[in-house]
Amino acid sequence: MTDNEKLDQTRPDDPTRRKVVTVGAGAVAAVGLGGAFAANAVAGERKAPGHGPKPAPPEDCYLLTSEAVEGPYYIDADKLRQDVTEDRPGIPLTLSLRVIDSETCGPVRNAAVDIWHCDAIGVYSGYENQGSGGGGGGGGGPAPTGSPTGTPTGVPTGPPPGGGGGHQEPTDDTRYLRGTWHTDRHGHVTFKTVFPGWYQGRCVHIHVKVHVDGEWTDAGYEGGHTCHTGQFFFAEEAVIATMTLDPYVTNTTTRTTLTEDTIYDQSGTQGGLLKLRYHKDDIGKGVVGSITMSVDTDATNDGEGGGGPAPSASASPSASAS
């Protein structure tokens, strides 16, 4: 055996190989996801150039992440930030997201990712007068009183409760639990927020949009198009664990389970089901949710369906620092 052959056999893997790390609840306070748990390879990940053929990407990296309706309570990204918590109480939640191209399985760099969701008692910022417990995706105020007049006839029209509907203009200036940030060169982006609550007609979820082909300027992200509109979902075990803790215990709205939800397509990760990490005997210490979104960067998926008028907000956000 030659000296070169010996070197080839002993050469280590390139230490710069990128891996997404799933972090346990003990490290939730840090937005950066340092190695508290073993690193896990993400679909589409490849080793740096080296000896031998590159392994083929897994077939599931080509599967598109499920599209979903935008819902009525999207506000065109006016908060450029990673920590969207503001003053809202709840269990700390770190979202570790990665965006990959469904055609190449490579990372989507410098994309603008929006997230928004309700607070622990089911209220969306910007729509606080809607309260918690209504349909249409964000709570629709108190339940009606009195006796119904007339009997419904014909086939029901419009979206299911909490499913979507047309865009509604904001009713106030609150913007908690909303934010936009950019993916890094590995397609990765992290948000700090709180575990969402629930409201009538929907299971616990977080909304997301991915915008590409725009430009980051001093004013934020401009131009481009929305290539993905979706929702993230939570396993029932985790949701049930939150229900005895403040402030979730004060949410008396009837809860829709994951299997009862009209938007989640029951397809697991492809449908937006998050991989969760937390201390099962004390979820209150915090949760880390992670997922890889496989998107078609050439497509436009603005999520404006659902039976209502199209949103007046632009599909491509312009964000300002906050």
C-alpha atoms as a PDB file:
ATOM      1  CA  MET A   1       0.000   0.000   0.000  1.00  0.00           C
ATOM      2  CA  THR A   2       1.359   3.414  -0.956  1.00  0.00           C
ATOM      3  CA  ASP A   3       1.568   6.383   1.393  1.00  0.00           C
ATOM      4  CA  ASN A   4      -1.164   8.136  -0.591  1.00  0.00           C
ATOM      5  CA  GLU A   5      -3.461   5.137  -0.250  1.00  0.00           C
ATOM      6  CA  LYS A   6      -2.917   5.164   3.511  1.00  0.00           C
ATOM      7  CA  LEU A   7      -3.826   8.857   3.655  1.00  0.00           C
ATOM      8  CA  ASP A   8      -6.999   8.220   1.681  1.00  0.00           C
ATOM      9  CA  GLN A   9      -8.087   5.553   4.144  1.00  0.00           C
ATOM     10  CA  THR A  10      -7.473   7.685   7.223  1.00  0.00           C
ATOM     11  CA  ARG A  11      -8.755  10.999   5.958  1.00  0.00           C
ATOM     12  CA  PRO A  12     -11.636  12.168   8.237  1.00  0.00           C
ATOM     13  CA  ASP A  13     -14.906  13.554   6.999  1.00  0.00           C
ATOM     14  CA  ASP A  14     -14.874  17.275   6.336  1.00  0.00           C
ATOM     15  CA  PRO A  15     -15.673  18.839   9.751  1.00  0.00           C
ATOM     16  CA  THR A  16     -17.569  21.666   8.065  1.00  0.00           C
ATOM     17  CA  ARG A  17     -20.419  19.373   7.097  1.00  0.00           C
ATOM     18  CA  ARG A  18     -23.647  21.110   8.009  1.00  0.00           C
ATOM     19  CA  LYS A  19     -26.090  19.410  10.341  1.00  0.00           C
ATOM     20  CA  VAL A  20     -29.262  20.762  11.927  1.00  0.00           C
ATOM     21  CA  VAL A  21     -29.195  20.206  15.663  1.00  0.00           C
ATOM     22  CA  THR A  22     -32.360  19.475  17.594  1.00  0.00           C
ATOM     23  CA  VAL A  23     -32.033  21.057  21.005  1.00  0.00           C
ATOM     24  CA  GLY A  24     -33.562  19.910  24.255  1.00  0.00           C
ATOM     25  CA  ALA A  25     -35.655  22.096  26.524  1.00  0.00           C
ATOM     26  CA  GLY A  26     -32.706  22.859  28.796  1.00  0.00           C
ATOM     27  CA  ALA A  27     -31.221  25.055  26.072  1.00  0.00           C
ATOM     28  CA  VAL A  28     -34.416  26.808  25.021  1.00  0.00           C
ATOM     29  CA  ALA A  29     -33.338  30.176  26.379  1.00  0.00           C
ATOM     30  CA  ALA A  30     -30.659  30.436  23.712  1.00  0.00           C
ATOM     31  CA  VAL A  31     -31.869  31.249  20.221  1.00  0.00           C
ATOM     32  CA  GLY A  32     -28.760  29.686  18.724  1.00  0.00           C
ATOM     33  CA  LEU A  33     -29.243  25.959  18.681  1.00  0.00           C
ATOM     34  CA  GLY A  34     -25.995  24.648  20.168  1.00  0.00           C
ATOM     35  CA  GLY A  35     -25.429  20.925  20.563  1.00  0.00           C
ATOM     36  CA  ALA A  36     -27.464  19.794  23.561  1.00  0.00           C
ATOM     37  CA  PHE A  37     -28.698  16.730  21.706  1.00  0.00           C
ATOM     38  CA  ALA A  38     -27.031  14.613  19.062  1.00  0.00           C
ATOM     39  CA  ALA A  39     -27.041  16.192  15.623  1.00  0.00           C
ATOM     40  CA  ASN A  40     -29.528  14.834  13.135  1.00  0.00           C
ATOM     41  CA  ALA A  41     -29.065  14.951   9.374  1.00  0.00           C
ATOM     42  CA  VAL A  42     -31.798  16.698   7.433  1.00  0.00           C
ATOM     43  CA  ALA A  43     -33.220  15.423   4.153  1.00  0.00           C
ATOM     44  CA  GLY A  44     -31.152  16.686   1.273  1.00  0.00           C
ATOM     45  CA  GLU A  45     -27.979  17.138   3.321  1.00  0.00           C
ATOM     46  CA  ARG A  46     -24.747  16.216   1.557  1.00  0.00           C
ATOM     47  CA  LYS A  47     -21.123  15.854   2.538  1.00  0.00           C
ATOM     48  CA  ALA A  48     -18.506  18.277   1.367  1.00  0.00           C
ATOM     49  CA  PRO A  49     -16.509  17.171  -1.676  1.00  0.00           C
ATOM     50  CA  GLY A  50     -14.288  14.205  -0.903  1.00  0.00           C
ATOM     51  CA  HIS A  51     -13.336  10.782  -2.134  1.00  0.00           C
ATOM     52  CA  GLY A  52     -15.930   8.449  -3.561  1.00  0.00           C
ATOM     53  CA  PRO A  53     -19.372   9.092  -5.083  1.00  0.00           C
ATOM     54  CA  LYS A  54     -21.882  11.284  -3.259  1.00  0.00           C
ATOM     55  CA  PRO A  55     -24.883   9.416  -1.854  1.00  0.00           C
ATOM     56  CA  ALA A  56     -28.164  10.098  -3.628  1.00  0.00           C
ATOM     57  CA  PRO A  57     -30.552  12.363  -1.686  1.00  0.00           C
ATOM     58  CA  PRO A  58     -33.432  10.562   0.025  1.00  0.00           C
ATOM     59  CA  GLU A  59     -36.563  10.383  -2.093  1.00  0.00           C
ATOM     60  CA  ASP A  60     -38.604  12.244   0.513  1.00  0.00           C
ATOM     61  CA  CYS A  61     -36.491  15.385   0.075  1.00  0.00           C
ATOM     62  CA  TYR A  62     -38.263  15.874  -3.254  1.00  0.00           C
ATOM     63  CA  LEU A  63     -41.713  15.783  -1.641  1.00  0.00           C
ATOM     64  CA  LEU A  64     -43.313  19.209  -1.503  1.00  0.00           C
ATOM     65  CA  THR A  65     -44.371  20.419   1.908  1.00  0.00           C
ATOM     66  CA  SER A  66     -48.166  20.722   2.001  1.00  0.00           C
ATOM     67  CA  GLU A  67     -49.698  24.065   1.072  1.00  0.00           C
ATOM     68  CA  ALA A  68     -52.471  25.523   3.228  1.00  0.00           C
ATOM     69  CA  VAL A  69     -54.792  28.508   3.221  1.00  0.00           C
ATOM     70  CA  GLU A  70     -53.371  31.754   4.522  1.00  0.00           C
ATOM     71  CA  GLY A  71     -56.240  32.355   6.929  1.00  0.00           C
ATOM     72  CA  PRO A  72     -57.862  35.727   7.539  1.00  0.00           C
ATOM     73  CA  TYR A  73     -55.332  37.146  10.001  1.00  0.00           C
ATOM     74  CA  TYR A  74     -52.091  37.478   8.064  1.00  0.00           C
ATOM     75  CA  ILE A  75     -50.486  40.903   8.347  1.00  0.00           C
ATOM     76  CA  ASP A  76     -47.894  41.720   5.695  1.00  0.00           C
ATOM     77  CA  ALA A  77     -44.590  41.274   7.552  1.00  0.00           C
ATOM     78  CA  ASP A  78     -44.006  44.527   9.385  1.00  0.00           C
ATOM     79  CA  LYS A  79     -41.763  43.063  12.109  1.00  0.00           C
ATOM     80  CA  LEU A  80     -38.245  42.018  11.099  1.00  0.00           C
ATOM     81  CA  ARG A  81     -37.155  39.971  14.107  1.00  0.00           C
ATOM     82  CA  GLN A  82     -36.434  36.488  15.421  1.00  0.00           C
ATOM     83  CA  ASP A  83     -37.900  36.917  18.910  1.00  0.00           C
ATOM     84  CA  VAL A  84     -41.616  37.519  18.372  1.00  0.00           C
ATOM     85  CA  THR A  85     -42.721  36.952  21.975  1.00  0.00           C
ATOM     86  CA  GLU A  86     -43.085  40.563  23.150  1.00  0.00           C
ATOM     87  CA  ASP A  87     -44.976  40.410  26.448  1.00  0.00           C
ATOM     88  CA  ARG A  88     -47.096  37.333  25.804  1.00  0.00           C
ATOM     89  CA  PRO A  89     -47.069  34.702  28.564  1.00  0.00           C
ATOM     90  CA  GLY A  90     -46.666  31.041  27.722  1.00  0.00           C
ATOM     91  CA  ILE A  91     -44.270  28.123  27.469  1.00  0.00           C
ATOM     92  CA  PRO A  92     -41.070  29.170  25.638  1.00  0.00           C
ATOM     93  CA  LEU A  93     -40.930  27.743  22.123  1.00  0.00           C
ATOM     94  CA  THR A  94     -37.923  27.793  19.805  1.00  0.00           C
ATOM     95  CA  LEU A  95     -38.737  27.107  16.149  1.00  0.00           C
ATOM     96  CA  SER A  96     -35.804  25.683  14.187  1.00  0.00           C
ATOM     97  CA  LEU A  97     -36.756  25.778  10.511  1.00  0.00           C
ATOM     98  CA  ARG A  98     -34.930  24.842   7.319  1.00  0.00           C
ATOM     99  CA  VAL A  99     -35.990  25.586   3.752  1.00  0.00           C
ATOM    100  CA  ILE A 100     -34.775  23.396   0.878  1.00  0.00           C
ATOM    101  CA  ASP A 101     -35.499  23.403  -2.844  1.00  0.00           C
ATOM    102  CA  SER A 102     -37.658  20.421  -3.821  1.00  0.00           C
ATOM    103  CA  GLU A 103     -35.921  20.120  -7.202  1.00  0.00           C
ATOM    104  CA  THR A 104     -32.282  20.213  -6.051  1.00  0.00           C
ATOM    105  CA  CYS A 105     -32.684  19.398  -2.324  1.00  0.00           C
ATOM    106  CA  GLY A 106     -30.224  22.243  -1.689  1.00  0.00           C
ATOM    107  CA  PRO A 107     -30.752  25.019   0.859  1.00  0.00           C
ATOM    108  CA  VAL A 108     -32.782  28.085  -0.067  1.00  0.00           C
ATOM    109  CA  ARG A 109     -30.645  31.037   1.007  1.00  0.00           C
ATOM    110  CA  ASN A 110     -31.835  34.537   1.955  1.00  0.00           C
ATOM    111  CA  ALA A 111     -35.509  33.629   1.781  1.00  0.00           C
ATOM    112  CA  ALA A 112     -37.874  35.683   3.942  1.00  0.00           C
ATOM    113  CA  VAL A 113     -39.823  33.473   6.350  1.00  0.00           C
ATOM    114  CA  ASP A 114     -42.928  34.810   8.099  1.00  0.00           C
ATOM    115  CA  ILE A 115     -44.541  33.169  11.124  1.00  0.00           C
ATOM    116  CA  TRP A 116     -47.681  34.184  12.999  1.00  0.00           C
ATOM    117  CA  HIS A 117     -49.970  32.473  15.498  1.00  0.00           C
ATOM    118  CA  CYS A 118     -52.415  33.031  18.346  1.00  0.00           C
ATOM    119  CA  ASP A 119     -51.394  33.380  21.985  1.00  0.00           C
ATOM    120  CA  ALA A 120     -52.005  30.897  24.802  1.00  0.00           C
ATOM    121  CA  ILE A 121     -55.697  31.765  25.059  1.00  0.00           C
ATOM    122  CA  GLY A 122     -56.360  31.761  21.336  1.00  0.00           C
ATOM    123  CA  VAL A 123     -56.120  35.475  20.472  1.00  0.00           C
ATOM    124  CA  TYR A 124     -54.299  36.878  17.423  1.00  0.00           C
ATOM    125  CA  SER A 125     -52.489  40.205  17.626  1.00  0.00           C
ATOM    126  CA  GLY A 126     -53.994  42.827  15.368  1.00  0.00           C
ATOM    127  CA  TYR A 127     -57.433  41.271  15.919  1.00  0.00           C
ATOM    128  CA  GLU A 128     -57.887  41.338  19.683  1.00  0.00           C
ATOM    129  CA  ASN A 129     -61.530  42.385  19.440  1.00  0.00           C
ATOM    130  CA  GLN A 130     -62.231  39.050  17.729  1.00  0.00           C
ATOM    131  CA  GLY A 131     -61.533  37.380  21.051  1.00  0.00           C
ATOM    132  CA  SER A 132     -61.033  33.628  21.203  1.00  0.00           C
ATOM    133  CA  GLY A 133     -63.367  30.933  20.037  1.00  0.00           C
ATOM    134  CA  GLY A 134     -64.693  32.061  16.663  1.00  0.00           C
ATOM    135  CA  GLY A 135     -64.266  30.514  13.244  1.00  0.00           C
ATOM    136  CA  GLY A 136     -62.202  31.736  10.358  1.00  0.00           C
ATOM    137  CA  GLY A 137     -58.767  31.131  11.768  1.00  0.00           C
ATOM    138  CA  GLY A 138     -58.363  33.514  14.635  1.00  0.00           C
ATOM    139  CA  GLY A 139     -61.299  33.647  16.961  1.00  0.00           C
ATOM    140  CA  GLY A 140     -64.594  35.314  16.218  1.00  0.00           C
ATOM    141  CA  GLY A 141     -65.766  36.821  19.480  1.00  0.00           C
ATOM    142  CA  PRO A 142     -68.278  35.531  22.010  1.00  0.00           C
ATOM    143  CA  ALA A 143     -70.733  32.783  21.213  1.00  0.00           C
ATOM    144  CA  PRO A 144     -74.160  33.903  19.933  1.00  0.00           C
ATOM    145  CA  THR A 145     -77.028  34.095  22.373  1.00  0.00           C
ATOM    146  CA  GLY A 146     -80.759  33.501  21.989  1.00  0.00           C
ATOM    147  CA  SER A 147     -82.631  30.989  19.890  1.00  0.00           C
ATOM    148  CA  PRO A 148     -81.849  30.406  16.224  1.00  0.00           C
ATOM    149  CA  THR A 149     -84.358  31.698  13.715  1.00  0.00           C
ATOM    150  CA  GLY A 150     -85.010  29.556  10.688  1.00  0.00           C
ATOM    151  CA  THR A 151     -83.589  26.219   9.652  1.00  0.00           C
ATOM    152  CA  PRO A 152     -80.529  26.018   7.384  1.00  0.00           C
ATOM    153  CA  THR A 153     -81.210  24.540   3.960  1.00  0.00           C
ATOM    154  CA  GLY A 154     -79.078  23.509   1.012  1.00  0.00           C
ATOM    155  CA  VAL A 155     -75.380  22.702   0.910  1.00  0.00           C
ATOM    156  CA  PRO A 156     -73.095  24.626   3.285  1.00  0.00           C
ATOM    157  CA  THR A 157     -70.825  27.153   1.591  1.00  0.00           C
ATOM    158  CA  GLY A 158     -67.564  28.767   2.593  1.00  0.00           C
ATOM    159  CA  PRO A 159     -64.581  27.402   4.504  1.00  0.00           C
ATOM    160  CA  PRO A 160     -64.820  25.157   7.543  1.00  0.00           C
ATOM    161  CA  PRO A 161     -64.520  26.821  10.979  1.00  0.00           C
ATOM    162  CA  GLY A 162     -61.052  28.152  11.490  1.00  0.00           C
ATOM    163  CA  GLY A 163     -59.943  27.017   8.061  1.00  0.00           C
ATOM    164  CA  GLY A 164     -59.281  30.187   6.187  1.00  0.00           C
ATOM    165  CA  GLY A 165     -61.765  32.616   4.733  1.00  0.00           C
ATOM    166  CA  GLY A 166     -60.909  35.929   3.148  1.00  0.00           C
ATOM    167  CA  HIS A 167     -58.374  38.313   4.589  1.00  0.00           C
ATOM    168  CA  GLN A 168     -59.595  40.653   7.306  1.00  0.00           C
ATOM    169  CA  GLU A 169     -58.048  44.050   7.911  1.00  0.00           C
ATOM    170  CA  PRO A 170     -56.370  44.486  11.321  1.00  0.00           C
ATOM    171  CA  THR A 171     -58.507  46.089  14.002  1.00  0.00           C
ATOM    172  CA  ASP A 172     -55.695  47.243  16.326  1.00  0.00           C
ATOM    173  CA  ASP A 173     -51.974  47.983  16.394  1.00  0.00           C
ATOM    174  CA  THR A 174     -50.756  44.971  18.386  1.00  0.00           C
ATOM    175  CA  ARG A 175     -48.253  42.724  16.584  1.00  0.00           C
ATOM    176  CA  TYR A 176     -47.078  40.137  19.128  1.00  0.00           C
ATOM    177  CA  LEU A 177     -46.317  36.584  17.953  1.00  0.00           C
ATOM    178  CA  ARG A 178     -45.576  37.762  14.408  1.00  0.00           C
ATOM    179  CA  GLY A 179     -42.251  38.183  12.698  1.00  0.00           C
ATOM    180  CA  THR A 180     -40.047  37.794   9.620  1.00  0.00           C
ATOM    181  CA  TRP A 181     -36.428  36.685   9.345  1.00  0.00           C
ATOM    182  CA  HIS A 182     -34.075  35.456   6.638  1.00  0.00           C
ATOM    183  CA  THR A 183     -32.653  31.997   6.044  1.00  0.00           C
ATOM    184  CA  ASP A 184     -28.877  31.638   6.259  1.00  0.00           C
ATOM    185  CA  ARG A 185     -26.631  30.001   3.670  1.00  0.00           C
ATOM    186  CA  HIS A 186     -27.756  26.599   4.918  1.00  0.00           C
ATOM    187  CA  GLY A 187     -31.447  27.504   4.499  1.00  0.00           C
ATOM    188  CA  HIS A 188     -31.850  27.664   8.267  1.00  0.00           C
ATOM    189  CA  VAL A 189     -33.817  30.200  10.336  1.00  0.00           C
ATOM    190  CA  THR A 190     -34.738  30.268  14.026  1.00  0.00           C
ATOM    191  CA  PHE A 191     -37.568  32.013  15.867  1.00  0.00           C
ATOM    192  CA  LYS A 192     -38.239  32.430  19.573  1.00  0.00           C
ATOM    193  CA  THR A 193     -41.897  32.524  20.580  1.00  0.00           C
ATOM    194  CA  VAL A 194     -44.383  30.808  22.928  1.00  0.00           C
ATOM    195  CA  PHE A 195     -46.322  27.574  22.532  1.00  0.00           C
ATOM    196  CA  PRO A 196     -49.629  28.559  20.869  1.00  0.00           C
ATOM    197  CA  GLY A 197     -53.024  27.965  22.417  1.00  0.00           C
ATOM    198  CA  TRP A 198     -56.226  26.977  20.643  1.00  0.00           C
ATOM    199  CA  TYR A 199     -59.560  28.417  19.575  1.00  0.00           C
ATOM    200  CA  GLN A 200     -62.856  27.128  18.259  1.00  0.00           C
ATOM    201  CA  GLY A 201     -62.626  24.912  15.196  1.00  0.00           C
ATOM    202  CA  ARG A 202     -58.823  24.542  14.927  1.00  0.00           C
ATOM    203  CA  CYS A 203     -56.102  22.446  16.510  1.00  0.00           C
ATOM    204  CA  VAL A 204     -52.941  24.129  17.816  1.00  0.00           C
ATOM    205  CA  HIS A 205     -50.933  25.502  14.885  1.00  0.00           C
ATOM    206  CA  ILE A 206     -48.554  28.167  13.565  1.00  0.00           C
ATOM    207  CA  HIS A 207     -48.844  29.859  10.162  1.00  0.00           C
ATOM    208  CA  VAL A 208     -45.825  30.248   7.876  1.00  0.00           C
ATOM    209  CA  LYS A 209     -44.942  31.857   4.552  1.00  0.00           C
ATOM    210  CA  VAL A 210     -41.718  31.614   2.537  1.00  0.00           C
ATOM    211  CA  HIS A 211     -40.846  34.439   0.116  1.00  0.00           C
ATOM    212  CA  VAL A 212     -38.065  34.183  -2.480  1.00  0.00           C
ATOM    213  CA  ASP A 213     -36.467  36.193  -5.323  1.00  0.00           C
ATOM    214  CA  GLY A 214     -36.837  39.448  -3.415  1.00  0.00           C
ATOM    215  CA  GLU A 215     -34.159  41.792  -2.094  1.00  0.00           C
ATOM    216  CA  TRP A 216     -33.082  42.609   1.447  1.00  0.00           C
ATOM    217  CA  THR A 217     -32.687  46.375   1.848  1.00  0.00           C
ATOM    218  CA  ASP A 218     -32.381  48.812   4.740  1.00  0.00           C
ATOM    219  CA  ALA A 219     -36.180  48.907   4.759  1.00  0.00           C
ATOM    220  CA  GLY A 220     -36.538  45.130   4.936  1.00  0.00           C
ATOM    221  CA  TYR A 221     -37.473  42.565   2.279  1.00  0.00           C
ATOM    222  CA  GLU A 222     -38.927  43.835  -0.978  1.00  0.00           C
ATOM    223  CA  GLY A 223     -40.239  42.245  -4.159  1.00  0.00           C
ATOM    224  CA  GLY A 224     -40.122  38.570  -5.043  1.00  0.00           C
ATOM    225  CA  HIS A 225     -42.989  36.140  -4.622  1.00  0.00           C
ATOM    226  CA  THR A 226     -44.463  33.757  -2.054  1.00  0.00           C
ATOM    227  CA  CYS A 227     -43.448  30.196  -2.909  1.00  0.00           C
ATOM    228  CA  HIS A 228     -44.981  28.505   0.143  1.00  0.00           C
ATOM    229  CA  THR A 229     -47.857  29.132   2.532  1.00  0.00           C
ATOM    230  CA  GLY A 230     -48.361  26.505   5.183  1.00  0.00           C
ATOM    231  CA  GLN A 231     -49.015  25.682   8.803  1.00  0.00           C
ATOM    232  CA  PHE A 232     -47.094  23.858  11.530  1.00  0.00           C
ATOM    233  CA  PHE A 233     -48.802  21.411  13.873  1.00  0.00           C
ATOM    234  CA  PHE A 234     -48.142  19.904  17.297  1.00  0.00           C
ATOM    235  CA  ALA A 235     -48.460  16.337  18.556  1.00  0.00           C
ATOM    236  CA  GLU A 236     -51.433  15.753  20.852  1.00  0.00           C
ATOM    237  CA  GLU A 237     -49.228  14.542  23.696  1.00  0.00           C
ATOM    238  CA  ALA A 238     -47.455  17.896  23.878  1.00  0.00           C
ATOM    239  CA  VAL A 239     -50.654  19.937  23.634  1.00  0.00           C
ATOM    240  CA  ILE A 240     -52.303  17.943  26.414  1.00  0.00           C
ATOM    241  CA  ALA A 241     -49.243  18.496  28.604  1.00  0.00           C
ATOM    242  CA  THR A 242     -49.688  22.285  28.308  1.00  0.00           C
ATOM    243  CA  MET A 243     -53.341  22.284  29.351  1.00  0.00           C
ATOM    244  CA  THR A 244     -52.699  22.186  33.104  1.00  0.00           C
ATOM    245  CA  LEU A 245     -50.235  25.091  33.072  1.00  0.00           C
ATOM    246  CA  ASP A 246     -50.865  28.826  33.184  1.00  0.00           C
ATOM    247  CA  PRO A 247     -52.064  30.570  31.126  1.00  0.00           C
ATOM    248  CA  TYR A 248     -53.313  27.644  29.000  1.00  0.00           C
ATOM    249  CA  VAL A 249     -55.450  26.326  31.854  1.00  0.00           C
ATOM    250  CA  THR A 250     -57.594  29.471  31.599  1.00  0.00           C
ATOM    251  CA  ASN A 251     -58.489  28.702  27.969  1.00  0.00           C
ATOM    252  CA  THR A 252     -61.933  27.120  28.271  1.00  0.00           C
ATOM    253  CA  THR A 253     -62.640  26.966  24.533  1.00  0.00           C
ATOM    254  CA  THR A 254     -63.475  23.482  23.280  1.00  0.00           C
ATOM    255  CA  ARG A 255     -60.288  22.140  21.728  1.00  0.00           C
ATOM    256  CA  THR A 256     -60.119  20.549  18.284  1.00  0.00           C
ATOM    257  CA  THR A 257     -57.693  17.614  18.191  1.00  0.00           C
ATOM    258  CA  LEU A 258     -55.047  17.013  15.550  1.00  0.00           C
ATOM    259  CA  THR A 259     -57.083  14.242  13.903  1.00  0.00           C
ATOM    260  CA  GLU A 260     -60.242  16.388  13.919  1.00  0.00           C
ATOM    261  CA  ASP A 261     -58.631  19.401  12.286  1.00  0.00           C
ATOM    262  CA  THR A 262     -59.884  20.349   8.830  1.00  0.00           C
ATOM    263  CA  ILE A 263     -56.582  21.814   7.603  1.00  0.00           C
ATOM    264  CA  TYR A 264     -53.946  19.319   8.742  1.00  0.00           C
ATOM    265  CA  ASP A 265     -53.802  16.582   6.083  1.00  0.00           C
ATOM    266  CA  GLN A 266     -52.586  13.842   8.481  1.00  0.00           C
ATOM    267  CA  SER A 267     -49.398  13.320   6.444  1.00  0.00           C
ATOM    268  CA  GLY A 268     -46.905  13.888   9.242  1.00  0.00           C
ATOM    269  CA  THR A 269     -43.828  15.968   8.515  1.00  0.00           C
ATOM    270  CA  GLN A 270     -44.863  16.649   4.908  1.00  0.00           C
ATOM    271  CA  GLY A 271     -48.098  18.126   6.241  1.00  0.00           C
ATOM    272  CA  GLY A 272     -46.311  20.382   8.723  1.00  0.00           C
ATOM    273  CA  LEU A 273     -46.104  18.207  11.852  1.00  0.00           C
ATOM    274  CA  LEU A 274     -43.219  19.528  13.952  1.00  0.00           C
ATOM    275  CA  LYS A 275     -40.586  17.357  15.573  1.00  0.00           C
ATOM    276  CA  LEU A 276     -40.699  18.366  19.245  1.00  0.00           C
ATOM    277  CA  ARG A 277     -38.129  18.179  22.019  1.00  0.00           C
ATOM    278  CA  TYR A 278     -39.027  18.921  25.660  1.00  0.00           C
ATOM    279  CA  HIS A 279     -38.807  17.447  29.159  1.00  0.00           C
ATOM    280  CA  LYS A 280     -41.858  15.216  29.322  1.00  0.00           C
ATOM    281  CA  ASP A 281     -42.141  15.650  33.076  1.00  0.00           C
ATOM    282  CA  ASP A 282     -41.935  19.457  32.820  1.00  0.00           C
ATOM    283  CA  ILE A 283     -42.934  20.931  29.472  1.00  0.00           C
ATOM    284  CA  GLY A 284     -43.104  24.334  31.129  1.00  0.00           C
ATOM    285  CA  LYS A 285     -39.319  24.594  30.878  1.00  0.00           C
ATOM    286  CA  GLY A 286     -39.646  25.018  27.141  1.00  0.00           C
ATOM    287  CA  VAL A 287     -40.064  23.273  23.804  1.00  0.00           C
ATOM    288  CA  VAL A 288     -37.996  23.119  20.618  1.00  0.00           C
ATOM    289  CA  GLY A 289     -39.887  22.427  17.393  1.00  0.00           C
ATOM    290  CA  SER A 290     -38.008  21.662  14.180  1.00  0.00           C
ATOM    291  CA  ILE A 291     -38.938  20.899  10.597  1.00  0.00           C
ATOM    292  CA  THR A 292     -37.536  21.058   7.059  1.00  0.00           C
ATOM    293  CA  MET A 293     -39.776  22.655   4.432  1.00  0.00           C
ATOM    294  CA  SER A 294     -39.310  21.406   0.865  1.00  0.00           C
ATOM    295  CA  VAL A 295     -40.614  24.114  -1.475  1.00  0.00           C
ATOM    296  CA  ASP A 296     -40.922  24.795  -5.194  1.00  0.00           C
ATOM    297  CA  THR A 297     -39.101  28.102  -5.515  1.00  0.00           C
ATOM    298  CA  ASP A 298     -40.524  28.720  -9.000  1.00  0.00           C
ATOM    299  CA  ALA A 299     -44.139  28.382  -7.875  1.00  0.00           C
ATOM    300  CA  THR A 300     -46.421  30.987  -6.365  1.00  0.00           C
ATOM    301  CA  ASN A 301     -48.391  29.708  -3.382  1.00  0.00           C
ATOM    302  CA  ASP A 302     -49.889  32.670  -1.582  1.00  0.00           C
ATOM    303  CA  GLY A 303     -52.570  30.681   0.267  1.00  0.00           C
ATOM    304  CA  GLU A 304     -55.318  33.086  -0.662  1.00  0.00           C
ATOM    305  CA  GLY A 305     -57.919  30.363  -1.205  1.00  0.00           C
ATOM    306  CA  GLY A 306     -60.631  29.384   1.211  1.00  0.00           C
ATOM    307  CA  GLY A 307     -63.773  30.940  -0.175  1.00  0.00           C
ATOM    308  CA  GLY A 308     -63.242  34.571   0.720  1.00  0.00           C
ATOM    309  CA  PRO A 309     -61.912  37.670  -1.002  1.00  0.00           C
ATOM    310  CA  ALA A 310     -58.232  37.847  -1.793  1.00  0.00           C
ATOM    311  CA  PRO A 311     -56.041  39.494   0.840  1.00  0.00           C
ATOM    312  CA  SER A 312     -55.299  43.132   0.317  1.00  0.00           C
ATOM    313  CA  ALA A 313     -51.794  42.661   1.695  1.00  0.00           C
ATOM    314  CA  SER A 314     -48.978  42.093  -0.781  1.00  0.00           C
ATOM    315  CA  ALA A 315     -47.798  38.520  -1.187  1.00  0.00           C
ATOM    316  CA  SER A 316     -44.220  39.769  -0.861  1.00  0.00           C
ATOM    317  CA  PRO A 317     -43.511  41.397   2.485  1.00  0.00           C
ATOM    318  CA  SER A 318     -41.736  44.609   3.250  1.00  0.00           C
ATOM    319  CA  ALA A 319     -40.397  44.491   6.778  1.00  0.00           C
ATOM    320  CA  SER A 320     -38.933  47.091   9.075  1.00  0.00           C
ATOM    321  CA  ALA A 321     -36.552  46.486  11.943  1.00  0.00           C
ATOM    322  CA  SER A 322     -38.075  46.241  15.372  1.00  0.00           C
END
